[in-house]
């Protein structure tokens, strides 16, 4: 028996790779069922966010588990293994435990100290429980990781001054445009990141917010909380022509804003500058939009330098968090060894 992590993240792979092999929430259940069917996989949790796709698995052995994950990614996403192989990292047993604990504690996040990842770890584990792909081993260590994540945030100040990806986007907007109070904003999407963006914008004094979504009722519900207005995705051209800032965060499998569509928008707005932040994975806005004059486009990878700007303020607290994890890792590694012994004994019966 082997406890293994196979994955890639914002440090190992650019967004063009990450978006190709990510799992949308609607496909995660089916993905877990399918992955569990690959011979070497005994238990599985899939964590897929805008910044990482990771398989946490109990496998027959390290090599077969690694190969099973590669084969599954290639089959599920219809992507050749050579497309992503060199971007994958693999951790086994104690190192896999350490990685899981650090991820849950936000120590491996683009924004160290952010709290969204802990919720995402809980959701990933919950989905695996629902799909019956998380057994005794993964259940034990995911529950421990979630407990440690909470402990880190309650016993350190790692979250003080921390920012979410959406608030980094707002900071970027502010640096480019100065005051945001008189700006008009279009938010495309109605999920958690879109909601965080709306909240951050509202706290900056922005009062002209339009929310566009494929489902109008969801757009209306989010817009109403921030005194905004709602529209359908089909009607975004006029909204784009009036906006100063666009923040897009949907799970659409294709570009919502194409090069041709943006040419039309810029013509309607007489080429007045437009600031676009694409927080979607896959990307919502064609990267070719950058080529259009006065169209300023940023995606998730472009936010890294802004995230690094406030990193030093939290490094001391991160060191305390690492100490908390080290304090638990040795005991968890002993538990894992016991699980391995039990598994070996059962296989001999």
Protein backbone atom coordinates (compact mmCIF):
# COMPACT_ATOMS: atom_id res chain seq x y z
CA UNK A 1 0.00 0.00 0.00
CA UNK A 2 1.24 3.48 -0.87
CA UNK A 3 -0.14 6.93 0.00
CA UNK A 4 0.55 9.20 -2.94
CA UNK A 5 -0.01 12.68 -4.31
CA UNK A 6 0.26 13.24 -8.06
CA UNK A 7 -0.52 16.70 -9.37
CA UNK A 8 0.44 20.04 -10.77
CA UNK A 9 -0.09 23.59 -9.59
CA UNK A 10 0.57 27.25 -10.39
CA UNK A 11 4.28 26.74 -9.62
CA UNK A 12 4.80 23.72 -11.86
CA UNK A 13 2.51 24.48 -14.80
CA UNK A 14 1.26 27.57 -16.67
CA UNK A 15 -2.44 28.26 -16.96
CA UNK A 16 -2.52 26.85 -20.51
CA UNK A 17 -1.69 23.42 -19.01
CA UNK A 18 -3.75 23.74 -15.81
CA UNK A 19 -6.95 24.67 -17.62
CA UNK A 20 -6.66 21.67 -19.94
CA UNK A 21 -6.64 19.06 -17.17
CA UNK A 22 -8.80 20.65 -14.47
CA UNK A 23 -12.08 19.15 -13.26
CA UNK A 24 -15.19 21.30 -13.04
CA UNK A 25 -17.42 20.68 -9.97
CA UNK A 26 -20.06 19.11 -12.18
CA UNK A 27 -17.63 16.48 -13.47
CA UNK A 28 -15.82 15.66 -10.24
CA UNK A 29 -18.13 12.86 -9.08
CA UNK A 30 -17.87 11.02 -12.40
CA UNK A 31 -14.11 11.59 -12.44
CA UNK A 32 -13.72 9.99 -9.01
CA UNK A 33 -15.78 6.96 -10.03
CA UNK A 34 -13.75 6.59 -13.23
CA UNK A 35 -10.35 7.08 -11.54
CA UNK A 36 -11.19 4.53 -8.86
CA UNK A 37 -11.69 2.04 -11.69
CA UNK A 38 -8.04 2.24 -12.74
CA UNK A 39 -6.36 -0.93 -11.47
CA UNK A 40 -3.77 0.44 -9.07
CA UNK A 41 -6.12 2.91 -7.34
CA UNK A 42 -7.63 1.74 -4.05
CA UNK A 43 -8.80 5.13 -2.68
CA UNK A 44 -8.93 8.58 -4.27
CA UNK A 45 -9.65 12.26 -3.64
CA UNK A 46 -9.34 14.81 -6.45
CA UNK A 47 -8.61 18.42 -5.50
CA UNK A 48 -9.13 20.72 -8.48
CA UNK A 49 -9.03 24.52 -8.10
CA UNK A 50 -7.97 27.42 -10.29
CA UNK A 51 -4.39 26.94 -9.10
CA UNK A 52 -4.00 23.16 -8.77
CA UNK A 53 -5.21 19.73 -9.84
CA UNK A 54 -4.07 16.99 -7.48
CA UNK A 55 -4.82 13.31 -6.99
CA UNK A 56 -4.56 12.03 -3.43
CA UNK A 57 -4.57 8.26 -3.68
CA UNK A 58 -3.96 5.03 -1.89
CA UNK A 59 -2.28 2.86 -4.50
CA UNK A 60 -0.95 -0.66 -4.82
CA UNK A 61 2.56 0.73 -5.31
CA UNK A 62 4.18 4.06 -6.19
CA UNK A 63 4.99 3.38 -9.83
CA UNK A 64 1.63 1.93 -10.82
CA UNK A 65 -0.20 4.75 -9.02
CA UNK A 66 1.79 7.39 -10.87
CA UNK A 67 1.13 5.69 -14.20
CA UNK A 68 -2.58 5.27 -13.44
CA UNK A 69 -2.93 9.00 -12.74
CA UNK A 70 -1.21 9.90 -16.01
CA UNK A 71 -3.31 7.43 -17.99
CA UNK A 72 -6.50 8.70 -16.38
CA UNK A 73 -5.70 12.36 -17.09
CA UNK A 74 -4.94 11.52 -20.71
CA UNK A 75 -8.11 9.46 -21.12
CA UNK A 76 -10.50 11.77 -19.27
CA UNK A 77 -9.29 14.99 -20.88
CA UNK A 78 -8.28 13.49 -24.22
CA UNK A 79 -4.81 15.01 -23.86
CA UNK A 80 -1.54 13.24 -24.71
CA UNK A 81 0.57 12.38 -21.67
CA UNK A 82 3.51 14.32 -23.13
CA UNK A 83 1.37 17.48 -22.83
CA UNK A 84 1.48 17.47 -19.02
CA UNK A 85 4.00 14.80 -17.90
CA UNK A 86 6.89 17.20 -17.23
CA UNK A 87 4.68 19.46 -15.10
CA UNK A 88 3.61 16.76 -12.64
CA UNK A 89 5.05 16.30 -9.16
CA UNK A 90 4.77 13.12 -7.11
CA UNK A 91 4.95 12.71 -3.33
CA UNK A 92 4.88 9.40 -1.49
CA UNK A 93 3.90 8.43 2.06
CA UNK A 94 5.30 10.93 4.63
CA UNK A 95 6.06 13.55 1.97
CA UNK A 96 2.53 13.12 0.62
CA UNK A 97 1.14 13.67 4.13
CA UNK A 98 3.28 16.78 4.57
CA UNK A 99 2.05 18.15 1.24
CA UNK A 100 -1.60 17.55 2.14
CA UNK A 101 -1.19 19.26 5.51
CA UNK A 102 0.60 22.26 3.94
CA UNK A 103 -2.07 22.62 1.25
CA UNK A 104 -4.90 22.61 3.82
CA UNK A 105 -3.02 25.19 5.93
CA UNK A 106 -2.63 27.47 2.85
CA UNK A 107 1.17 27.22 3.01
CA UNK A 108 1.28 26.00 -0.58
CA UNK A 109 -1.20 28.60 -1.88
CA UNK A 110 -0.44 31.40 -4.32
CA UNK A 111 -1.65 33.65 -1.50
CA UNK A 112 -0.18 32.26 1.73
CA UNK A 113 -2.74 32.55 4.52
CA UNK A 114 -5.85 32.61 2.33
CA UNK A 115 -8.79 30.65 3.74
CA UNK A 116 -10.55 29.53 0.56
CA UNK A 117 -8.29 26.49 0.07
CA UNK A 118 -9.38 24.91 3.36
CA UNK A 119 -12.99 24.99 2.17
CA UNK A 120 -11.91 23.54 -1.16
CA UNK A 121 -10.08 20.68 0.59
CA UNK A 122 -13.23 19.96 2.64
CA UNK A 123 -15.37 19.99 -0.51
CA UNK A 124 -12.97 17.68 -2.36
CA UNK A 125 -13.01 15.22 0.54
CA UNK A 126 -16.80 15.47 0.83
CA UNK A 127 -17.22 14.68 -2.86
CA UNK A 128 -14.94 11.64 -2.47
CA UNK A 129 -17.02 10.42 0.47
CA UNK A 130 -20.14 10.85 -1.67
CA UNK A 131 -18.52 8.88 -4.51
CA UNK A 132 -17.31 6.24 -2.03
CA UNK A 133 -13.75 6.68 -3.28
CA UNK A 134 -12.32 7.77 0.10
CA UNK A 135 -11.67 4.81 2.37
CA UNK A 136 -10.18 4.45 5.84
CA UNK A 137 -6.74 5.86 5.01
CA UNK A 138 -7.74 8.98 3.07
CA UNK A 139 -10.61 9.70 5.46
CA UNK A 140 -8.25 9.62 8.43
CA UNK A 141 -5.67 11.93 6.91
CA UNK A 142 -8.04 14.38 5.20
CA UNK A 143 -9.91 14.84 8.48
CA UNK A 144 -6.55 15.45 10.16
CA UNK A 145 -5.53 17.92 7.44
CA UNK A 146 -8.77 19.88 7.87
CA UNK A 147 -8.27 19.95 11.65
CA UNK A 148 -4.68 21.17 11.19
CA UNK A 149 -5.79 23.85 8.73
CA UNK A 150 -8.21 25.22 11.31
CA UNK A 151 -5.55 25.01 14.03
CA UNK A 152 -3.04 26.97 11.93
CA UNK A 153 -5.54 29.77 11.33
CA UNK A 154 -6.64 29.90 14.98
CA UNK A 155 -3.18 29.71 16.58
CA UNK A 156 -1.20 31.93 14.18
CA UNK A 157 -1.78 35.25 12.47
CA UNK A 158 -1.04 33.80 9.04
CA UNK A 159 -4.38 35.03 7.73
CA UNK A 160 -3.87 38.60 8.95
CA UNK A 161 -3.28 40.81 5.95
CA UNK A 162 -3.81 37.84 3.66
CA UNK A 163 -5.76 38.35 0.48
CA UNK A 164 -7.87 36.24 -1.80
CA UNK A 165 -7.22 35.91 -5.51
CA UNK A 166 -10.17 38.22 -6.11
CA UNK A 167 -8.82 40.91 -3.77
CA UNK A 168 -5.46 40.70 -5.55
CA UNK A 169 -7.37 41.43 -8.76
CA UNK A 170 -8.98 44.46 -7.10
CA UNK A 171 -5.56 45.69 -5.94
CA UNK A 172 -4.27 45.34 -9.49
CA UNK A 173 -7.23 47.39 -10.74
CA UNK A 174 -6.56 50.08 -8.16
CA UNK A 175 -2.88 50.32 -9.09
CA UNK A 176 -3.80 50.76 -12.74
CA UNK A 177 -6.79 53.07 -12.37
CA UNK A 178 -6.26 54.89 -9.08
CA UNK A 179 -9.50 55.40 -7.15
CA UNK A 180 -12.23 52.92 -8.00
CA UNK A 181 -15.19 54.84 -6.56
CA UNK A 182 -16.48 56.25 -9.83
CA UNK A 183 -15.73 53.15 -11.92
CA UNK A 184 -18.26 50.86 -13.56
CA UNK A 185 -17.66 47.13 -13.07
CA UNK A 186 -18.94 44.08 -14.91
CA UNK A 187 -18.66 40.77 -13.06
CA UNK A 188 -19.12 37.69 -15.22
CA UNK A 189 -20.09 34.66 -13.13
CA UNK A 190 -21.91 34.14 -9.84
CA UNK A 191 -19.78 31.61 -7.96
CA UNK A 192 -17.62 32.03 -4.87
CA UNK A 193 -14.82 33.98 -6.56
CA UNK A 194 -17.33 36.29 -8.25
CA UNK A 195 -19.02 36.86 -4.89
CA UNK A 196 -15.68 37.66 -3.21
CA UNK A 197 -14.86 40.09 -6.02
CA UNK A 198 -18.22 41.83 -5.64
CA UNK A 199 -17.70 42.11 -1.88
CA UNK A 200 -14.18 43.52 -2.28
CA UNK A 201 -15.34 46.02 -4.91
CA UNK A 202 -18.20 47.15 -2.70
CA UNK A 203 -15.77 47.69 0.19
CA UNK A 204 -13.71 49.93 -2.14
CA UNK A 205 -16.71 52.19 -2.68
CA UNK A 206 -17.83 50.93 -6.09
CA UNK A 207 -21.59 51.21 -6.47
CA UNK A 208 -22.06 50.58 -10.20
CA UNK A 209 -21.86 46.81 -10.52
CA UNK A 210 -23.42 44.63 -13.20
CA UNK A 211 -23.44 40.85 -12.76
CA UNK A 212 -23.77 38.68 -15.87
CA UNK A 213 -24.40 34.97 -15.70
CA UNK A 214 -25.77 32.17 -17.86
CA UNK A 215 -28.56 31.75 -15.29
CA UNK A 216 -30.22 35.14 -14.85
CA UNK A 217 -31.70 34.25 -11.43
CA UNK A 218 -28.22 33.61 -10.01
CA UNK A 219 -26.93 36.88 -11.46
CA UNK A 220 -29.88 38.73 -9.94
CA UNK A 221 -29.37 37.12 -6.53
CA UNK A 222 -25.68 38.13 -6.37
CA UNK A 223 -26.29 41.62 -7.78
CA UNK A 224 -29.06 42.33 -5.25
CA UNK A 225 -26.64 41.84 -2.35
CA UNK A 226 -24.45 44.68 -3.59
CA UNK A 227 -27.08 47.04 -5.01
CA UNK A 228 -26.10 46.02 -8.51
CA UNK A 229 -28.01 45.03 -11.61
CA UNK A 230 -28.15 41.68 -13.40
CA UNK A 231 -28.02 40.64 -17.01
CA UNK A 232 -27.85 37.49 -19.11
CA UNK A 233 -24.57 36.43 -20.70
CA UNK A 234 -26.13 36.99 -24.11
CA UNK A 235 -26.42 40.71 -23.31
CA UNK A 236 -22.85 41.41 -22.23
CA UNK A 237 -21.74 43.39 -25.30
CA UNK A 238 -23.53 46.60 -24.18
CA UNK A 239 -22.26 46.02 -20.62
CA UNK A 240 -18.69 45.60 -21.84
CA UNK A 241 -18.98 48.80 -23.84
CA UNK A 242 -19.88 50.76 -20.67
CA UNK A 243 -17.58 49.09 -18.11
CA UNK A 244 -14.22 50.30 -16.81
CA UNK A 245 -13.32 46.98 -15.16
CA UNK A 246 -14.35 43.44 -16.09
CA UNK A 247 -13.79 40.51 -13.72
CA UNK A 248 -14.68 37.12 -15.15
CA UNK A 249 -14.86 33.88 -13.18
CA UNK A 250 -16.93 31.11 -14.73
CA UNK A 251 -16.34 27.44 -15.50
CA UNK A 252 -17.35 27.86 -19.14
CA UNK A 253 -15.41 25.43 -21.36
CA UNK A 254 -14.91 28.07 -24.08
CA UNK A 255 -13.97 31.76 -24.36
CA UNK A 256 -16.84 34.06 -23.42
CA UNK A 257 -14.95 37.07 -24.76
CA UNK A 258 -13.21 36.42 -28.06
CA UNK A 259 -10.87 38.60 -30.06
CA UNK A 260 -13.63 39.45 -32.56
CA UNK A 261 -16.12 40.24 -29.82
CA UNK A 262 -13.63 42.55 -28.13
CA UNK A 263 -12.96 44.37 -31.40
CA UNK A 264 -16.68 45.11 -31.55
CA UNK A 265 -16.70 46.24 -27.92
CA UNK A 266 -13.74 48.59 -28.39
CA UNK A 267 -15.40 50.11 -31.44
CA UNK A 268 -18.56 50.77 -29.41
CA UNK A 269 -16.56 52.42 -26.62
CA UNK A 270 -14.42 54.49 -29.02
CA UNK A 271 -11.33 52.59 -27.84
CA UNK A 272 -11.62 53.90 -24.29
CA UNK A 273 -9.30 51.77 -22.08
CA UNK A 274 -10.81 48.61 -20.59
CA UNK A 275 -9.24 46.67 -17.71
CA UNK A 276 -10.05 42.91 -17.83
CA UNK A 277 -9.17 40.32 -15.17
CA UNK A 278 -9.76 36.69 -16.09
CA UNK A 279 -10.02 34.50 -12.99
CA UNK A 280 -11.60 31.60 -14.87
CA UNK A 281 -10.16 28.14 -15.33
CA UNK A 282 -10.41 27.34 -18.17
CA UNK A 283 -9.79 30.95 -19.18
CA UNK A 284 -12.91 32.96 -20.04
CA UNK A 285 -11.19 35.58 -22.20
CA UNK A 286 -9.07 34.87 -25.26
CA UNK A 287 -5.41 35.81 -24.64
CA UNK A 288 -5.45 37.44 -28.10
CA UNK A 289 -7.52 40.24 -26.55
CA UNK A 290 -4.22 41.60 -25.16
CA UNK A 291 -3.23 42.55 -28.69
CA UNK A 292 -6.06 45.08 -28.99
CA UNK A 293 -5.08 48.67 -28.22
CA UNK A 294 -6.30 49.90 -24.80
CA UNK A 295 -7.51 46.41 -23.87
CA UNK A 296 -5.57 45.45 -20.72
CA UNK A 297 -5.98 41.75 -19.90
CA UNK A 298 -4.63 39.84 -16.88
CA UNK A 299 -5.13 36.17 -16.00
CA UNK A 300 -4.40 34.05 -12.92
CA UNK A 301 -0.71 33.67 -13.72
CA UNK A 302 -0.33 37.45 -13.99
CA UNK A 303 -1.45 37.84 -10.36
CA UNK A 304 1.57 36.04 -8.91
CA UNK A 305 3.78 39.13 -8.69
CA UNK A 306 1.04 41.06 -6.88
CA UNK A 307 0.58 38.18 -4.43
CA UNK A 308 4.30 38.17 -3.68
CA UNK A 309 4.15 41.85 -2.72
CA UNK A 310 2.63 41.17 0.71
CA UNK A 311 4.26 37.79 1.29
CA UNK A 312 7.00 39.02 3.65
CA UNK A 313 4.43 40.28 6.15
CA UNK A 314 3.28 36.70 6.81
CA UNK A 315 6.49 34.66 6.57
CA UNK A 316 7.01 34.72 10.34
CA UNK A 317 3.53 33.31 10.92
CA UNK A 318 4.09 30.77 8.14
CA UNK A 319 7.12 29.49 10.07
CA UNK A 320 4.87 28.95 13.11
CA UNK A 321 2.40 27.11 10.90
CA UNK A 322 5.17 24.86 9.59
CA UNK A 323 6.09 24.05 13.19
CA UNK A 324 2.48 23.04 13.94
CA UNK A 325 2.53 20.72 10.93
CA UNK A 326 5.89 19.21 11.90
CA UNK A 327 4.51 18.57 15.36
CA UNK A 328 1.76 16.40 13.93
CA UNK A 329 3.54 14.88 10.93
CA UNK A 330 5.61 12.35 12.88
CA UNK A 331 2.54 10.86 14.57
CA UNK A 332 0.61 10.78 11.29
CA UNK A 333 3.53 9.04 9.58
CA UNK A 334 3.44 6.36 12.31
CA UNK A 335 -0.30 5.93 11.72
CA UNK A 336 0.33 5.56 8.00
CA UNK A 337 2.98 2.91 8.67
CA UNK A 338 0.48 1.01 10.81
CA UNK A 339 -2.09 1.19 8.00
CA UNK A 340 0.53 -0.20 5.61
CA UNK A 341 1.29 -3.10 7.97
CA UNK A 342 -2.41 -3.89 8.33
CA UNK A 343 -2.86 -3.77 4.56
CA UNK A 344 0.06 -6.15 4.07
CA UNK A 345 -1.31 -8.56 6.69
CA UNK A 346 -4.76 -8.52 5.06
CA UNK A 347 -3.25 -9.23 1.64
CA UNK A 348 -1.60 -12.38 3.04
CA UNK A 349 -4.81 -13.80 4.47
